[in-house]
């Protein structure tokens, strides 16, 4: 089973796709950070990303309640992501390796709308 999975990853160039779309996702999240003060940090590697929500970028006060609202609103719009972090204020985005740039555009659009409603 494991060998078959590795063969699909290789045959469908999923590692290269993850590198490309992961960079595209980070760019989109960084654009959101410039538009929404609630985003205190964007971090990650490849497709595994985190968006830390803070009430104040200087004090880094965690925005736990706001994170829960963004998470719920995103779910209502069709985007399933997680949350984590020590204070429960980090949106965790871990899409599958087969994600497309169009899928990333959807993620960014939903998050932009959810942040805009706060």
C-alpha atoms as a PDB file:
ATOM      1  CA  UNK A   1       0.000   0.000   0.000  1.00  0.00           C
ATOM      2  CA  UNK A   2       2.709   2.494   0.964  1.00  0.00           C
ATOM      3  CA  UNK A   3       4.622   1.836  -2.261  1.00  0.00           C
ATOM      4  CA  UNK A   4       1.496   2.515  -4.315  1.00  0.00           C
ATOM      5  CA  UNK A   5       0.999   5.846  -2.552  1.00  0.00           C
ATOM      6  CA  UNK A   6       4.598   6.855  -3.276  1.00  0.00           C
ATOM      7  CA  UNK A   7       4.156   5.862  -6.919  1.00  0.00           C
ATOM      8  CA  UNK A   8       1.080   8.112  -7.241  1.00  0.00           C
ATOM      9  CA  UNK A   9       2.924  11.006  -5.575  1.00  0.00           C
ATOM     10  CA  UNK A  10       5.748  10.564  -8.079  1.00  0.00           C
ATOM     11  CA  UNK A  11       3.580   9.940 -11.164  1.00  0.00           C
ATOM     12  CA  UNK A  12       1.304  12.930 -10.499  1.00  0.00           C
ATOM     13  CA  UNK A  13       4.176  15.269  -9.512  1.00  0.00           C
ATOM     14  CA  UNK A  14       2.451  16.003  -6.212  1.00  0.00           C
ATOM     15  CA  UNK A  15       5.622  17.154  -4.469  1.00  0.00           C
ATOM     16  CA  UNK A  16       6.216  19.783  -7.148  1.00  0.00           C
ATOM     17  CA  UNK A  17       2.550  20.766  -7.002  1.00  0.00           C
ATOM     18  CA  UNK A  18       2.795  21.164  -3.224  1.00  0.00           C
ATOM     19  CA  UNK A  19       5.815  23.428  -3.587  1.00  0.00           C
ATOM     20  CA  UNK A  20       4.084  25.602  -6.188  1.00  0.00           C
ATOM     21  CA  UNK A  21       0.661  25.831  -4.561  1.00  0.00           C
ATOM     22  CA  UNK A  22       2.153  26.115  -1.071  1.00  0.00           C
ATOM     23  CA  UNK A  23       4.027  29.233  -2.180  1.00  0.00           C
ATOM     24  CA  UNK A  24       0.882  30.564  -3.816  1.00  0.00           C
ATOM     25  CA  UNK A  25      -1.076  29.934  -0.601  1.00  0.00           C
ATOM     26  CA  UNK A  26       1.516  31.756   1.522  1.00  0.00           C
ATOM     27  CA  UNK A  27       1.434  34.749  -0.856  1.00  0.00           C
ATOM     28  CA  UNK A  28      -2.347  34.885  -0.591  1.00  0.00           C
ATOM     29  CA  UNK A  29      -2.275  34.643   3.193  1.00  0.00           C
ATOM     30  CA  UNK A  30       0.336  37.404   3.390  1.00  0.00           C
ATOM     31  CA  UNK A  31      -1.924  39.616   1.244  1.00  0.00           C
ATOM     32  CA  UNK A  32      -4.747  38.913   3.701  1.00  0.00           C
ATOM     33  CA  UNK A  33      -2.449  39.911   6.558  1.00  0.00           C
ATOM     34  CA  UNK A  34      -1.893  43.297   4.950  1.00  0.00           C
ATOM     35  CA  UNK A  35      -5.686  43.771   4.692  1.00  0.00           C
ATOM     36  CA  UNK A  36      -6.811  42.444   8.089  1.00  0.00           C
ATOM     37  CA  UNK A  37      -5.208  43.638  11.336  1.00  0.00           C
ATOM     38  CA  UNK A  38      -6.531  40.562  13.144  1.00  0.00           C
ATOM     39  CA  UNK A  39      -3.856  38.466  11.410  1.00  0.00           C
ATOM     40  CA  UNK A  40      -0.716  38.723  13.518  1.00  0.00           C
ATOM     41  CA  UNK A  41       1.421  36.153  11.728  1.00  0.00           C
ATOM     42  CA  UNK A  42       1.403  33.797   8.782  1.00  0.00           C
ATOM     43  CA  UNK A  43       3.753  30.855   8.938  1.00  0.00           C
ATOM     44  CA  UNK A  44       4.289  27.432   7.529  1.00  0.00           C
ATOM     45  CA  UNK A  45       6.163  25.251   5.135  1.00  0.00           C
ATOM     46  CA  UNK A  46       4.798  23.820   1.926  1.00  0.00           C
ATOM     47  CA  UNK A  47       1.067  23.319   2.222  1.00  0.00           C
ATOM     48  CA  UNK A  48       1.026  23.199   6.021  1.00  0.00           C
ATOM     49  CA  UNK A  49       0.270  26.739   7.140  1.00  0.00           C
ATOM     50  CA  UNK A  50      -0.848  28.597  10.221  1.00  0.00           C
ATOM     51  CA  UNK A  51      -2.547  31.977  10.521  1.00  0.00           C
ATOM     52  CA  UNK A  52      -2.208  33.431  14.019  1.00  0.00           C
ATOM     53  CA  UNK A  53      -5.012  35.759  15.047  1.00  0.00           C
ATOM     54  CA  UNK A  54      -4.299  38.547  17.530  1.00  0.00           C
ATOM     55  CA  UNK A  55      -6.316  41.427  18.891  1.00  0.00           C
ATOM     56  CA  UNK A  56      -3.285  43.708  18.797  1.00  0.00           C
ATOM     57  CA  UNK A  57      -0.189  43.116  16.681  1.00  0.00           C
ATOM     58  CA  UNK A  58       2.056  44.887  19.195  1.00  0.00           C
ATOM     59  CA  UNK A  59       0.948  43.019  22.315  1.00  0.00           C
ATOM     60  CA  UNK A  60       0.153  39.799  20.390  1.00  0.00           C
ATOM     61  CA  UNK A  61      -2.941  39.312  22.577  1.00  0.00           C
ATOM     62  CA  UNK A  62      -4.530  36.076  21.290  1.00  0.00           C
ATOM     63  CA  UNK A  63      -7.840  36.444  19.437  1.00  0.00           C
ATOM     64  CA  UNK A  64      -9.382  33.126  20.486  1.00  0.00           C
ATOM     65  CA  UNK A  65     -13.035  34.114  20.109  1.00  0.00           C
ATOM     66  CA  UNK A  66     -12.426  35.756  16.741  1.00  0.00           C
ATOM     67  CA  UNK A  67     -10.595  32.621  15.578  1.00  0.00           C
ATOM     68  CA  UNK A  68     -13.622  30.497  16.476  1.00  0.00           C
ATOM     69  CA  UNK A  69     -15.908  32.859  14.563  1.00  0.00           C
ATOM     70  CA  UNK A  70     -13.688  32.837  11.456  1.00  0.00           C
ATOM     71  CA  UNK A  71     -13.492  29.058  11.656  1.00  0.00           C
ATOM     72  CA  UNK A  72     -17.278  28.698  11.906  1.00  0.00           C
ATOM     73  CA  UNK A  73     -17.994  31.222   9.165  1.00  0.00           C
ATOM     74  CA  UNK A  74     -15.453  29.551   6.872  1.00  0.00           C
ATOM     75  CA  UNK A  75     -17.176  26.216   7.445  1.00  0.00           C
ATOM     76  CA  UNK A  76     -20.526  27.767   6.532  1.00  0.00           C
ATOM     77  CA  UNK A  77     -18.978  28.943   3.245  1.00  0.00           C
ATOM     78  CA  UNK A  78     -17.588  25.486   2.443  1.00  0.00           C
ATOM     79  CA  UNK A  79     -14.015  25.694   3.758  1.00  0.00           C
ATOM     80  CA  UNK A  80     -12.966  23.132   6.345  1.00  0.00           C
ATOM     81  CA  UNK A  81      -9.850  24.149   8.265  1.00  0.00           C
ATOM     82  CA  UNK A  82      -8.666  23.546  11.795  1.00  0.00           C
ATOM     83  CA  UNK A  83      -7.517  25.590  14.724  1.00  0.00           C
ATOM     84  CA  UNK A  84      -4.744  25.147  17.201  1.00  0.00           C
ATOM     85  CA  UNK A  85      -2.042  26.968  19.019  1.00  0.00           C
ATOM     86  CA  UNK A  86      -1.528  27.244  22.745  1.00  0.00           C
ATOM     87  CA  UNK A  87      -4.408  29.748  23.010  1.00  0.00           C
ATOM     88  CA  UNK A  88      -6.631  28.298  20.262  1.00  0.00           C
ATOM     89  CA  UNK A  89      -6.029  31.339  18.079  1.00  0.00           C
ATOM     90  CA  UNK A  90      -4.251  29.811  15.084  1.00  0.00           C
ATOM     91  CA  UNK A  91      -6.071  28.747  11.939  1.00  0.00           C
ATOM     92  CA  UNK A  92      -4.475  25.554  10.628  1.00  0.00           C
ATOM     93  CA  UNK A  93      -4.638  25.017   6.904  1.00  0.00           C
ATOM     94  CA  UNK A  94      -3.491  21.590   5.676  1.00  0.00           C
ATOM     95  CA  UNK A  95      -4.888  20.922   2.208  1.00  0.00           C
ATOM     96  CA  UNK A  96      -4.183  17.742   0.236  1.00  0.00           C
ATOM     97  CA  UNK A  97      -1.178  17.557  -2.059  1.00  0.00           C
ATOM     98  CA  UNK A  98      -3.433  17.575  -5.144  1.00  0.00           C
ATOM     99  CA  UNK A  99      -4.721  21.109  -4.410  1.00  0.00           C
ATOM    100  CA  UNK A 100      -4.864  23.531  -7.339  1.00  0.00           C
ATOM    101  CA  UNK A 101      -4.277  27.278  -7.543  1.00  0.00           C
ATOM    102  CA  UNK A 102      -8.032  27.650  -8.096  1.00  0.00           C
ATOM    103  CA  UNK A 103      -8.592  25.852  -4.788  1.00  0.00           C
ATOM    104  CA  UNK A 104      -6.163  28.252  -3.098  1.00  0.00           C
ATOM    105  CA  UNK A 105      -8.095  31.185  -4.582  1.00  0.00           C
ATOM    106  CA  UNK A 106     -11.224  29.736  -2.957  1.00  0.00           C
ATOM    107  CA  UNK A 107      -9.469  29.455   0.417  1.00  0.00           C
ATOM    108  CA  UNK A 108      -8.226  33.041   0.252  1.00  0.00           C
ATOM    109  CA  UNK A 109     -11.631  34.329  -0.882  1.00  0.00           C
ATOM    110  CA  UNK A 110     -13.488  32.585   1.926  1.00  0.00           C
ATOM    111  CA  UNK A 111     -11.017  33.748   4.576  1.00  0.00           C
ATOM    112  CA  UNK A 112     -11.129  37.307   3.229  1.00  0.00           C
ATOM    113  CA  UNK A 113     -14.912  37.292   3.461  1.00  0.00           C
ATOM    114  CA  UNK A 114     -14.902  35.744   6.953  1.00  0.00           C
ATOM    115  CA  UNK A 115     -12.391  38.298   8.257  1.00  0.00           C
ATOM    116  CA  UNK A 116     -14.353  41.078   6.612  1.00  0.00           C
ATOM    117  CA  UNK A 117     -17.456  40.121   8.590  1.00  0.00           C
ATOM    118  CA  UNK A 118     -15.768  40.559  11.977  1.00  0.00           C
END
